[in-house]
Amino acid sequence: MVWAMIVATALVTLALRFSFLGTLKPHAIPERFRVMLNYVPPAVFAAIVLPQVLTREGTLYAGLDNPRLVAALVAIVVARLTRSILWTIVAGMLALWVAQWGLA
């Protein structure tokens, strides 16, 4: 019964979204709006990640003694230099582990 509800909810959600976006022709969306849509994924990513990086127990923790911030900065540098998701993840995780071990 639970799975039936999950599937039904997913289908209703898909139908609602498709009714709005699926029926639009690509040329019907104004160019300016399409350009603005390019900024949605980075904004959503930042909204998810930044609170995890910059807060601890509900308070702002933005010093260089924050291992998550150090790891995020390393990951940003590696991402800009390599443009590789794999190397960004590896470098960020290694930096986090080293920072947690070194700053603890």
PDB file of N, CA and C in Angstrom:
ATOM      1  N   MET A   1       0.818  -1.195   0.000  1.00  0.00           N
ATOM      2  CA  MET A   1       0.000   0.000   0.000  1.00  0.00           C
ATOM      3  C   MET A   1       0.868   1.268   0.000  1.00  0.00           C
ATOM      4  N   VAL A   2       1.965   1.216   0.757  1.00  0.00           N
ATOM      5  CA  VAL A   2       2.846   2.372   0.825  1.00  0.00           C
ATOM      6  C   VAL A   2       3.472   2.626  -0.545  1.00  0.00           C
ATOM      7  N   TRP A   3       3.921   1.564  -1.212  1.00  0.00           N
ATOM      8  CA  TRP A   3       4.527   1.719  -2.525  1.00  0.00           C
ATOM      9  C   TRP A   3       3.519   2.249  -3.544  1.00  0.00           C
ATOM     10  N   ALA A   4       2.287   1.828  -3.431  1.00  0.00           N
ATOM     11  CA  ALA A   4       1.253   2.326  -4.338  1.00  0.00           C
ATOM     12  C   ALA A   4       1.065   3.833  -4.156  1.00  0.00           C
ATOM     13  N   MET A   5       1.115   4.297  -2.925  1.00  0.00           N
ATOM     14  CA  MET A   5       0.987   5.729  -2.648  1.00  0.00           C
ATOM     15  C   MET A   5       2.195   6.503  -3.184  1.00  0.00           C
ATOM     16  N   ILE A   6       3.389   5.931  -3.035  1.00  0.00           N
ATOM     17  CA  ILE A   6       4.592   6.589  -3.538  1.00  0.00           C
ATOM     18  C   ILE A   6       4.528   6.709  -5.057  1.00  0.00           C
ATOM     19  N   VAL A   7       4.156   5.631  -5.724  1.00  0.00           N
ATOM     20  CA  VAL A   7       4.053   5.650  -7.182  1.00  0.00           C
ATOM     21  C   VAL A   7       2.962   6.616  -7.633  1.00  0.00           C
ATOM     22  N   ALA A   8       1.821   6.617  -6.955  1.00  0.00           N
ATOM     23  CA  ALA A   8       0.731   7.523  -7.313  1.00  0.00           C
ATOM     24  C   ALA A   8       1.158   8.983  -7.139  1.00  0.00           C
ATOM     25  N   THR A   9       1.844   9.270  -6.054  1.00  0.00           N
ATOM     26  CA  THR A   9       2.326  10.627  -5.824  1.00  0.00           C
ATOM     27  C   THR A   9       3.318  11.037  -6.902  1.00  0.00           C
ATOM     28  N   ALA A  10       4.218  10.131  -7.271  1.00  0.00           N
ATOM     29  CA  ALA A  10       5.195  10.424  -8.318  1.00  0.00           C
ATOM     30  C   ALA A  10       4.500  10.688  -9.652  1.00  0.00           C
ATOM     31  N   LEU A  11       3.492   9.906  -9.970  1.00  0.00           N
ATOM     32  CA  LEU A  11       2.774  10.093 -11.231  1.00  0.00           C
ATOM     33  C   LEU A  11       2.023  11.422 -11.262  1.00  0.00           C
ATOM     34  N   VAL A  12       1.402  11.779 -10.159  1.00  0.00           N
ATOM     35  CA  VAL A  12       0.697  13.063 -10.096  1.00  0.00           C
ATOM     36  C   VAL A  12       1.686  14.213 -10.240  1.00  0.00           C
ATOM     37  N   THR A  13       2.822  14.121  -9.572  1.00  0.00           N
ATOM     38  CA  THR A  13       3.842  15.155  -9.680  1.00  0.00           C
ATOM     39  C   THR A  13       4.355  15.265 -11.111  1.00  0.00           C
ATOM     40  N   LEU A  14       4.627  14.128 -11.731  1.00  0.00           N
ATOM     41  CA  LEU A  14       5.085  14.127 -13.119  1.00  0.00           C
ATOM     42  C   LEU A  14       4.038  14.746 -14.037  1.00  0.00           C
ATOM     43  N   ALA A  15       2.780  14.387 -13.841  1.00  0.00           N
ATOM     44  CA  ALA A  15       1.713  14.930 -14.688  1.00  0.00           C
ATOM     45  C   ALA A  15       1.598  16.445 -14.536  1.00  0.00           C
ATOM     46  N   LEU A  16       1.695  16.924 -13.298  1.00  0.00           N
ATOM     47  CA  LEU A  16       1.597  18.371 -13.075  1.00  0.00           C
ATOM     48  C   LEU A  16       2.759  19.108 -13.717  1.00  0.00           C
ATOM     49  N   ARG A  17       3.954  18.591 -13.572  1.00  0.00           N
ATOM     50  CA  ARG A  17       5.115  19.263 -14.159  1.00  0.00           C
ATOM     51  C   ARG A  17       5.096  19.169 -15.675  1.00  0.00           C
ATOM     52  N   PHE A  18       4.714  18.009 -16.191  1.00  0.00           N
ATOM     53  CA  PHE A  18       4.687  17.843 -17.636  1.00  0.00           C
ATOM     54  C   PHE A  18       3.639  18.737 -18.274  1.00  0.00           C
ATOM     55  N   SER A  19       2.519  18.915 -17.589  1.00  0.00           N
ATOM     56  CA  SER A  19       1.457  19.753 -18.159  1.00  0.00           C
ATOM     57  C   SER A  19       1.931  21.181 -18.364  1.00  0.00           C
ATOM     58  N   PHE A  20       2.862  21.633 -17.541  1.00  0.00           N
ATOM     59  CA  PHE A  20       3.373  22.993 -17.687  1.00  0.00           C
ATOM     60  C   PHE A  20       4.574  23.049 -18.629  1.00  0.00           C
ATOM     61  N   LEU A  21       5.563  22.188 -18.400  1.00  0.00           N
ATOM     62  CA  LEU A  21       6.813  22.271 -19.151  1.00  0.00           C
ATOM     63  C   LEU A  21       6.828  21.413 -20.414  1.00  0.00           C
ATOM     64  N   GLY A  22       6.179  20.269 -20.385  1.00  0.00           N
ATOM     65  CA  GLY A  22       6.244  19.352 -21.507  1.00  0.00           C
ATOM     66  C   GLY A  22       5.477  19.806 -22.727  1.00  0.00           C
ATOM     67  N   THR A  23       4.496  20.649 -22.512  1.00  0.00           N
ATOM     68  CA  THR A  23       3.690  21.098 -23.645  1.00  0.00           C
ATOM     69  C   THR A  23       4.261  22.337 -24.323  1.00  0.00           C
ATOM     70  N   LEU A  24       5.270  22.953 -23.703  1.00  0.00           N
ATOM     71  CA  LEU A  24       5.884  24.145 -24.297  1.00  0.00           C
ATOM     72  C   LEU A  24       6.819  23.747 -25.430  1.00  0.00           C
ATOM     73  N   LYS A  25       6.816  24.523 -26.449  1.00  0.00           N
ATOM     74  CA  LYS A  25       7.780  24.355 -27.530  1.00  0.00           C
ATOM     75  C   LYS A  25       9.045  25.102 -27.135  1.00  0.00           C
ATOM     76  N   PRO A  26      10.220  24.563 -27.478  1.00  0.00           N
ATOM     77  CA  PRO A  26      11.468  25.250 -27.090  1.00  0.00           C
ATOM     78  C   PRO A  26      11.540  26.696 -27.561  1.00  0.00           C
ATOM     79  N   HIS A  27      11.008  26.982 -28.720  1.00  0.00           N
ATOM     80  CA  HIS A  27      11.057  28.355 -29.223  1.00  0.00           C
ATOM     81  C   HIS A  27      10.007  29.259 -28.567  1.00  0.00           C
ATOM     82  N   ALA A  28       9.077  28.678 -27.817  1.00  0.00           N
ATOM     83  CA  ALA A  28       8.050  29.476 -27.151  1.00  0.00           C
ATOM     84  C   ALA A  28       8.581  30.141 -25.880  1.00  0.00           C
ATOM     85  N   ILE A  29       9.680  29.619 -25.350  1.00  0.00           N
ATOM     86  CA  ILE A  29      10.277  30.203 -24.154  1.00  0.00           C
ATOM     87  C   ILE A  29      11.192  31.342 -24.600  1.00  0.00           C
ATOM     88  N   PRO A  30      10.994  32.537 -24.064  1.00  0.00           N
ATOM     89  CA  PRO A  30      11.834  33.665 -24.478  1.00  0.00           C
ATOM     90  C   PRO A  30      13.319  33.400 -24.195  1.00  0.00           C
ATOM     91  N   GLU A  31      14.162  33.923 -25.048  1.00  0.00           N
ATOM     92  CA  GLU A  31      15.617  33.709 -24.927  1.00  0.00           C
ATOM     93  C   GLU A  31      16.141  34.209 -23.587  1.00  0.00           C
ATOM     94  N   ARG A  32      15.658  35.349 -23.138  1.00  0.00           N
ATOM     95  CA  ARG A  32      16.115  35.911 -21.862  1.00  0.00           C
ATOM     96  C   ARG A  32      15.789  34.968 -20.707  1.00  0.00           C
ATOM     97  N   PHE A  33      14.611  34.344 -20.749  1.00  0.00           N
ATOM     98  CA  PHE A  33      14.212  33.405 -19.710  1.00  0.00           C
ATOM     99  C   PHE A  33      15.093  32.160 -19.751  1.00  0.00           C
ATOM    100  N   ARG A  34      15.419  31.667 -20.947  1.00  0.00           N
ATOM    101  CA  ARG A  34      16.296  30.498 -21.078  1.00  0.00           C
ATOM    102  C   ARG A  34      17.689  30.792 -20.537  1.00  0.00           C
ATOM    103  N   VAL A  35      18.174  31.995 -20.762  1.00  0.00           N
ATOM    104  CA  VAL A  35      19.481  32.379 -20.233  1.00  0.00           C
ATOM    105  C   VAL A  35      19.437  32.396 -18.701  1.00  0.00           C
ATOM    106  N   MET A  36      18.358  32.936 -18.151  1.00  0.00           N
ATOM    107  CA  MET A  36      18.229  32.979 -16.688  1.00  0.00           C
ATOM    108  C   MET A  36      18.130  31.579 -16.089  1.00  0.00           C
ATOM    109  N   LEU A  37      17.544  30.642 -16.810  1.00  0.00           N
ATOM    110  CA  LEU A  37      17.431  29.272 -16.309  1.00  0.00           C
ATOM    111  C   LEU A  37      18.789  28.608 -16.131  1.00  0.00           C
ATOM    112  N   ASN A  38      19.813  29.083 -16.816  1.00  0.00           N
ATOM    113  CA  ASN A  38      21.156  28.537 -16.649  1.00  0.00           C
ATOM    114  C   ASN A  38      21.702  28.777 -15.244  1.00  0.00           C
ATOM    115  N   TYR A  39      21.174  29.759 -14.542  1.00  0.00           N
ATOM    116  CA  TYR A  39      21.650  30.074 -13.204  1.00  0.00           C
ATOM    117  C   TYR A  39      20.935  29.282 -12.115  1.00  0.00           C
ATOM    118  N   VAL A  40      19.917  28.538 -12.449  1.00  0.00           N
ATOM    119  CA  VAL A  40      19.159  27.799 -11.437  1.00  0.00           C
ATOM    120  C   VAL A  40      19.979  26.681 -10.803  1.00  0.00           C
ATOM    121  N   PRO A  41      20.629  25.792 -11.562  1.00  0.00           N
ATOM    122  CA  PRO A  41      21.385  24.715 -10.906  1.00  0.00           C
ATOM    123  C   PRO A  41      22.479  25.192  -9.959  1.00  0.00           C
ATOM    124  N   PRO A  42      23.317  26.188 -10.329  1.00  0.00           N
ATOM    125  CA  PRO A  42      24.310  26.647  -9.357  1.00  0.00           C
ATOM    126  C   PRO A  42      23.684  27.279  -8.114  1.00  0.00           C
ATOM    127  N   ALA A  43      22.574  27.967  -8.290  1.00  0.00           N
ATOM    128  CA  ALA A  43      21.918  28.591  -7.138  1.00  0.00           C
ATOM    129  C   ALA A  43      21.354  27.538  -6.188  1.00  0.00           C
ATOM    130  N   VAL A  44      20.749  26.502  -6.740  1.00  0.00           N
ATOM    131  CA  VAL A  44      20.208  25.429  -5.904  1.00  0.00           C
ATOM    132  C   VAL A  44      21.340  24.691  -5.205  1.00  0.00           C
ATOM    133  N   PHE A  45      22.421  24.417  -5.939  1.00  0.00           N
ATOM    134  CA  PHE A  45      23.576  23.733  -5.347  1.00  0.00           C
ATOM    135  C   PHE A  45      24.147  24.548  -4.192  1.00  0.00           C
ATOM    136  N   ALA A  46      24.301  25.847  -4.390  1.00  0.00           N
ATOM    137  CA  ALA A  46      24.826  26.708  -3.334  1.00  0.00           C
ATOM    138  C   ALA A  46      23.889  26.741  -2.132  1.00  0.00           C
ATOM    139  N   ALA A  47      22.595  26.754  -2.375  1.00  0.00           N
ATOM    140  CA  ALA A  47      21.629  26.779  -1.270  1.00  0.00           C
ATOM    141  C   ALA A  47      21.669  25.494  -0.455  1.00  0.00           C
ATOM    142  N   ILE A  48      22.035  24.393  -1.085  1.00  0.00           N
ATOM    143  CA  ILE A  48      22.122  23.125  -0.362  1.00  0.00           C
ATOM    144  C   ILE A  48      23.456  22.999   0.366  1.00  0.00           C
ATOM    145  N   VAL A  49      24.546  23.381  -0.289  1.00  0.00           N
ATOM    146  CA  VAL A  49      25.882  23.119   0.240  1.00  0.00           C
ATOM    147  C   VAL A  49      26.339  24.160   1.266  1.00  0.00           C
ATOM    148  N   LEU A  50      26.135  25.433   0.997  1.00  0.00           N
ATOM    149  CA  LEU A  50      26.685  26.472   1.869  1.00  0.00           C
ATOM    150  C   LEU A  50      26.255  26.379   3.328  1.00  0.00           C
ATOM    151  N   PRO A  51      24.994  26.101   3.643  1.00  0.00           N
ATOM    152  CA  PRO A  51      24.660  25.965   5.059  1.00  0.00           C
ATOM    153  C   PRO A  51      25.412  24.820   5.747  1.00  0.00           C
ATOM    154  N   GLN A  52      25.687  23.748   5.009  1.00  0.00           N
ATOM    155  CA  GLN A  52      26.428  22.629   5.583  1.00  0.00           C
ATOM    156  C   GLN A  52      27.894  22.992   5.815  1.00  0.00           C
ATOM    157  N   VAL A  53      28.435  23.846   4.954  1.00  0.00           N
ATOM    158  CA  VAL A  53      29.839  24.220   5.062  1.00  0.00           C
ATOM    159  C   VAL A  53      30.047  25.305   6.111  1.00  0.00           C
ATOM    160  N   LEU A  54      29.148  26.267   6.178  1.00  0.00           N
ATOM    161  CA  LEU A  54      29.387  27.459   6.992  1.00  0.00           C
ATOM    162  C   LEU A  54      28.718  27.475   8.358  1.00  0.00           C
ATOM    163  N   THR A  55      27.975  26.461   8.703  1.00  0.00           N
ATOM    164  CA  THR A  55      27.339  26.450  10.030  1.00  0.00           C
ATOM    165  C   THR A  55      27.707  25.183  10.792  1.00  0.00           C
ATOM    166  N   ARG A  56      27.697  25.337  12.092  1.00  0.00           N
ATOM    167  CA  ARG A  56      27.879  24.199  12.984  1.00  0.00           C
ATOM    168  C   ARG A  56      26.953  24.414  14.177  1.00  0.00           C
ATOM    169  N   GLU A  57      26.084  23.453  14.382  1.00  0.00           N
ATOM    170  CA  GLU A  57      25.104  23.510  15.472  1.00  0.00           C
ATOM    171  C   GLU A  57      24.290  24.793  15.433  1.00  0.00           C
ATOM    172  N   GLY A  58      23.942  25.226  14.225  1.00  0.00           N
ATOM    173  CA  GLY A  58      23.060  26.371  14.065  1.00  0.00           C
ATOM    174  C   GLY A  58      23.725  27.729  14.120  1.00  0.00           C
ATOM    175  N   THR A  59      25.036  27.790  14.288  1.00  0.00           N
ATOM    176  CA  THR A  59      25.715  29.081  14.326  1.00  0.00           C
ATOM    177  C   THR A  59      26.728  29.168  13.188  1.00  0.00           C
ATOM    178  N   LEU A  60      27.011  30.391  12.777  1.00  0.00           N
ATOM    179  CA  LEU A  60      27.963  30.632  11.698  1.00  0.00           C
ATOM    180  C   LEU A  60      29.353  30.219  12.155  1.00  0.00           C
ATOM    181  N   TYR A  61      30.037  29.450  11.331  1.00  0.00           N
ATOM    182  CA  TYR A  61      31.364  28.930  11.645  1.00  0.00           C
ATOM    183  C   TYR A  61      32.218  29.095  10.396  1.00  0.00           C
ATOM    184  N   ALA A  62      32.669  30.342  10.142  1.00  0.00           N
ATOM    185  CA  ALA A  62      33.311  30.674   8.872  1.00  0.00           C
ATOM    186  C   ALA A  62      34.806  30.936   9.002  1.00  0.00           C
ATOM    187  N   GLY A  63      35.430  30.488  10.074  1.00  0.00           N
ATOM    188  CA  GLY A  63      36.873  30.689  10.220  1.00  0.00           C
ATOM    189  C   GLY A  63      37.666  29.624   9.490  1.00  0.00           C
ATOM    190  N   LEU A  64      38.956  29.858   9.355  1.00  0.00           N
ATOM    191  CA  LEU A  64      39.810  28.861   8.705  1.00  0.00           C
ATOM    192  C   LEU A  64      40.073  27.650   9.586  1.00  0.00           C
ATOM    193  N   ASP A  65      39.568  27.674  10.802  1.00  0.00           N
ATOM    194  CA  ASP A  65      39.635  26.473  11.642  1.00  0.00           C
ATOM    195  C   ASP A  65      38.431  25.561  11.403  1.00  0.00           C
ATOM    196  N   ASN A  66      37.613  25.898  10.419  1.00  0.00           N
ATOM    197  CA  ASN A  66      36.472  25.072  10.013  1.00  0.00           C
ATOM    198  C   ASN A  66      36.958  24.105   8.931  1.00  0.00           C
ATOM    199  N   PRO A  67      37.044  22.793   9.241  1.00  0.00           N
ATOM    200  CA  PRO A  67      37.562  21.849   8.251  1.00  0.00           C
ATOM    201  C   PRO A  67      36.701  21.749   6.997  1.00  0.00           C
ATOM    202  N   ARG A  68      35.403  21.928   7.134  1.00  0.00           N
ATOM    203  CA  ARG A  68      34.531  21.870   5.955  1.00  0.00           C
ATOM    204  C   ARG A  68      34.787  23.045   5.015  1.00  0.00           C
ATOM    205  N   LEU A  69      35.029  24.206   5.577  1.00  0.00           N
ATOM    206  CA  LEU A  69      35.323  25.381   4.753  1.00  0.00           C
ATOM    207  C   LEU A  69      36.654  25.210   4.032  1.00  0.00           C
ATOM    208  N   VAL A  70      37.651  24.699   4.735  1.00  0.00           N
ATOM    209  CA  VAL A  70      38.958  24.458   4.122  1.00  0.00           C
ATOM    210  C   VAL A  70      38.820  23.470   2.969  1.00  0.00           C
ATOM    211  N   ALA A  71      38.087  22.386   3.193  1.00  0.00           N
ATOM    212  CA  ALA A  71      37.882  21.380   2.148  1.00  0.00           C
ATOM    213  C   ALA A  71      37.111  21.965   0.967  1.00  0.00           C
ATOM    214  N   ALA A  72      36.124  22.800   1.242  1.00  0.00           N
ATOM    215  CA  ALA A  72      35.350  23.416   0.162  1.00  0.00           C
ATOM    216  C   ALA A  72      36.230  24.345  -0.671  1.00  0.00           C
ATOM    217  N   LEU A  73      37.095  25.103  -0.028  1.00  0.00           N
ATOM    218  CA  LEU A  73      37.995  25.988  -0.761  1.00  0.00           C
ATOM    219  C   LEU A  73      38.968  25.200  -1.633  1.00  0.00           C
ATOM    220  N   VAL A  74      39.492  24.101  -1.091  1.00  0.00           N
ATOM    221  CA  VAL A  74      40.370  23.234  -1.887  1.00  0.00           C
ATOM    222  C   VAL A  74      39.603  22.664  -3.074  1.00  0.00           C
ATOM    223  N   ALA A  75      38.380  22.208  -2.844  1.00  0.00           N
ATOM    224  CA  ALA A  75      37.570  21.641  -3.926  1.00  0.00           C
ATOM    225  C   ALA A  75      37.280  22.681  -5.001  1.00  0.00           C
ATOM    226  N   ILE A  76      37.030  23.918  -4.608  1.00  0.00           N
ATOM    227  CA  ILE A  76      36.770  24.977  -5.591  1.00  0.00           C
ATOM    228  C   ILE A  76      37.999  25.215  -6.462  1.00  0.00           C
ATOM    229  N   VAL A  77      39.175  25.260  -5.835  1.00  0.00           N
ATOM    230  CA  VAL A  77      40.404  25.477  -6.598  1.00  0.00           C
ATOM    231  C   VAL A  77      40.650  24.319  -7.565  1.00  0.00           C
ATOM    232  N   VAL A  78      40.494  23.090  -7.086  1.00  0.00           N
ATOM    233  CA  VAL A  78      40.705  21.929  -7.943  1.00  0.00           C
ATOM    234  C   VAL A  78      39.682  21.908  -9.079  1.00  0.00           C
ATOM    235  N   ALA A  79      38.450  22.252  -8.786  1.00  0.00           N
ATOM    236  CA  ALA A  79      37.416  22.274  -9.824  1.00  0.00           C
ATOM    237  C   ALA A  79      37.755  23.290 -10.912  1.00  0.00           C
ATOM    238  N   ARG A  80      38.230  24.453 -10.520  1.00  0.00           N
ATOM    239  CA  ARG A  80      38.577  25.482 -11.505  1.00  0.00           C
ATOM    240  C   ARG A  80      39.788  25.078 -12.339  1.00  0.00           C
ATOM    241  N   LEU A  81      40.745  24.387 -11.711  1.00  0.00           N
ATOM    242  CA  LEU A  81      41.957  24.011 -12.432  1.00  0.00           C
ATOM    243  C   LEU A  81      41.753  22.800 -13.336  1.00  0.00           C
ATOM    244  N   THR A  82      41.027  21.794 -12.858  1.00  0.00           N
ATOM    245  CA  THR A  82      40.920  20.535 -13.607  1.00  0.00           C
ATOM    246  C   THR A  82      39.624  20.390 -14.385  1.00  0.00           C
ATOM    247  N   ARG A  83      38.573  21.065 -13.949  1.00  0.00           N
ATOM    248  CA  ARG A  83      37.241  20.900 -14.547  1.00  0.00           C
ATOM    249  C   ARG A  83      36.796  19.439 -14.523  1.00  0.00           C
ATOM    250  N   SER A  84      37.240  18.703 -13.512  1.00  0.00           N
ATOM    251  CA  SER A  84      36.915  17.284 -13.382  1.00  0.00           C
ATOM    252  C   SER A  84      36.136  17.064 -12.091  1.00  0.00           C
ATOM    253  N   ILE A  85      34.969  16.470 -12.219  1.00  0.00           N
ATOM    254  CA  ILE A  85      34.160  16.186 -11.032  1.00  0.00           C
ATOM    255  C   ILE A  85      34.864  15.182 -10.131  1.00  0.00           C
ATOM    256  N   LEU A  86      35.451  14.154 -10.748  1.00  0.00           N
ATOM    257  CA  LEU A  86      36.135  13.117  -9.963  1.00  0.00           C
ATOM    258  C   LEU A  86      37.265  13.703  -9.137  1.00  0.00           C
ATOM    259  N   TRP A  87      38.141  14.496  -9.760  1.00  0.00           N
ATOM    260  CA  TRP A  87      39.265  15.065  -9.022  1.00  0.00           C
ATOM    261  C   TRP A  87      38.809  16.093  -7.984  1.00  0.00           C
ATOM    262  N   THR A  88      37.722  16.767  -8.261  1.00  0.00           N
ATOM    263  CA  THR A  88      37.181  17.708  -7.282  1.00  0.00           C
ATOM    264  C   THR A  88      36.707  16.969  -6.035  1.00  0.00           C
ATOM    265  N   ILE A  89      35.994  15.872  -6.234  1.00  0.00           N
ATOM    266  CA  ILE A  89      35.505  15.085  -5.095  1.00  0.00           C
ATOM    267  C   ILE A  89      36.665  14.487  -4.317  1.00  0.00           C
ATOM    268  N   VAL A  90      37.623  13.908  -5.036  1.00  0.00           N
ATOM    269  CA  VAL A  90      38.777  13.283  -4.374  1.00  0.00           C
ATOM    270  C   VAL A  90      39.553  14.326  -3.577  1.00  0.00           C
ATOM    271  N   ALA A  91      39.850  15.460  -4.184  1.00  0.00           N
ATOM    272  CA  ALA A  91      40.615  16.498  -3.491  1.00  0.00           C
ATOM    273  C   ALA A  91      39.840  17.061  -2.305  1.00  0.00           C
ATOM    274  N   GLY A  92      38.542  17.284  -2.476  1.00  0.00           N
ATOM    275  CA  GLY A  92      37.731  17.803  -1.375  1.00  0.00           C
ATOM    276  C   GLY A  92      37.658  16.843  -0.200  1.00  0.00           C
ATOM    277  N   MET A  93      37.485  15.565  -0.498  1.00  0.00           N
ATOM    278  CA  MET A  93      37.414  14.573   0.585  1.00  0.00           C
ATOM    279  C   MET A  93      38.762  14.426   1.288  1.00  0.00           C
ATOM    280  N   LEU A  94      39.845  14.376   0.515  1.00  0.00           N
ATOM    281  CA  LEU A  94      41.172  14.298   1.134  1.00  0.00           C
ATOM    282  C   LEU A  94      41.444  15.533   1.996  1.00  0.00           C
ATOM    283  N   ALA A  95      41.090  16.695   1.473  1.00  0.00           N
ATOM    284  CA  ALA A  95      41.291  17.925   2.246  1.00  0.00           C
ATOM    285  C   ALA A  95      40.447  17.917   3.516  1.00  0.00           C
ATOM    286  N   LEU A  96      39.230  17.401   3.429  1.00  0.00           N
ATOM    287  CA  LEU A  96      38.389  17.327   4.617  1.00  0.00           C
ATOM    288  C   LEU A  96      38.990  16.396   5.655  1.00  0.00           C
ATOM    289  N   TRP A  97      39.436  15.236   5.214  1.00  0.00           N
ATOM    290  CA  TRP A  97      40.035  14.285   6.155  1.00  0.00           C
ATOM    291  C   TRP A  97      41.313  14.850   6.792  1.00  0.00           C
ATOM    292  N   VAL A  98      42.152  15.459   5.982  1.00  0.00           N
ATOM    293  CA  VAL A  98      43.386  16.042   6.514  1.00  0.00           C
ATOM    294  C   VAL A  98      43.062  17.197   7.468  1.00  0.00           C
ATOM    295  N   ALA A  99      42.110  18.047   7.082  1.00  0.00           N
ATOM    296  CA  ALA A  99      41.752  19.188   7.937  1.00  0.00           C
ATOM    297  C   ALA A  99      41.112  18.723   9.242  1.00  0.00           C
ATOM    298  N   GLN A 100      40.271  17.709   9.179  1.00  0.00           N
ATOM    299  CA  GLN A 100      39.658  17.201  10.417  1.00  0.00           C
ATOM    300  C   GLN A 100      40.710  16.580  11.319  1.00  0.00           C
ATOM    301  N   TRP A 101      41.655  15.897  10.746  1.00  0.00           N
ATOM    302  CA  TRP A 101      42.705  15.264  11.540  1.00  0.00           C
ATOM    303  C   TRP A 101      43.659  16.326  12.087  1.00  0.00           C
ATOM    304  N   GLY A 102      43.988  17.319  11.241  1.00  0.00           N
ATOM    305  CA  GLY A 102      44.942  18.338  11.645  1.00  0.00           C
ATOM    306  C   GLY A 102      44.359  19.403  12.548  1.00  0.00           C
ATOM    307  N   LEU A 103      43.069  19.689  12.419  1.00  0.00           N
ATOM    308  CA  LEU A 103      42.448  20.746  13.216  1.00  0.00           C
ATOM    309  C   LEU A 103      41.775  20.236  14.473  1.00  0.00           C
ATOM    310  N   ALA A 104      41.724  18.922  14.638  1.00  0.00           N
ATOM    311  CA  ALA A 104      41.022  18.338  15.796  1.00  0.00           C
ATOM    312  C   ALA A 104      41.810  18.461  17.066  1.00  0.00           C
TER     313      ALA A 104
END
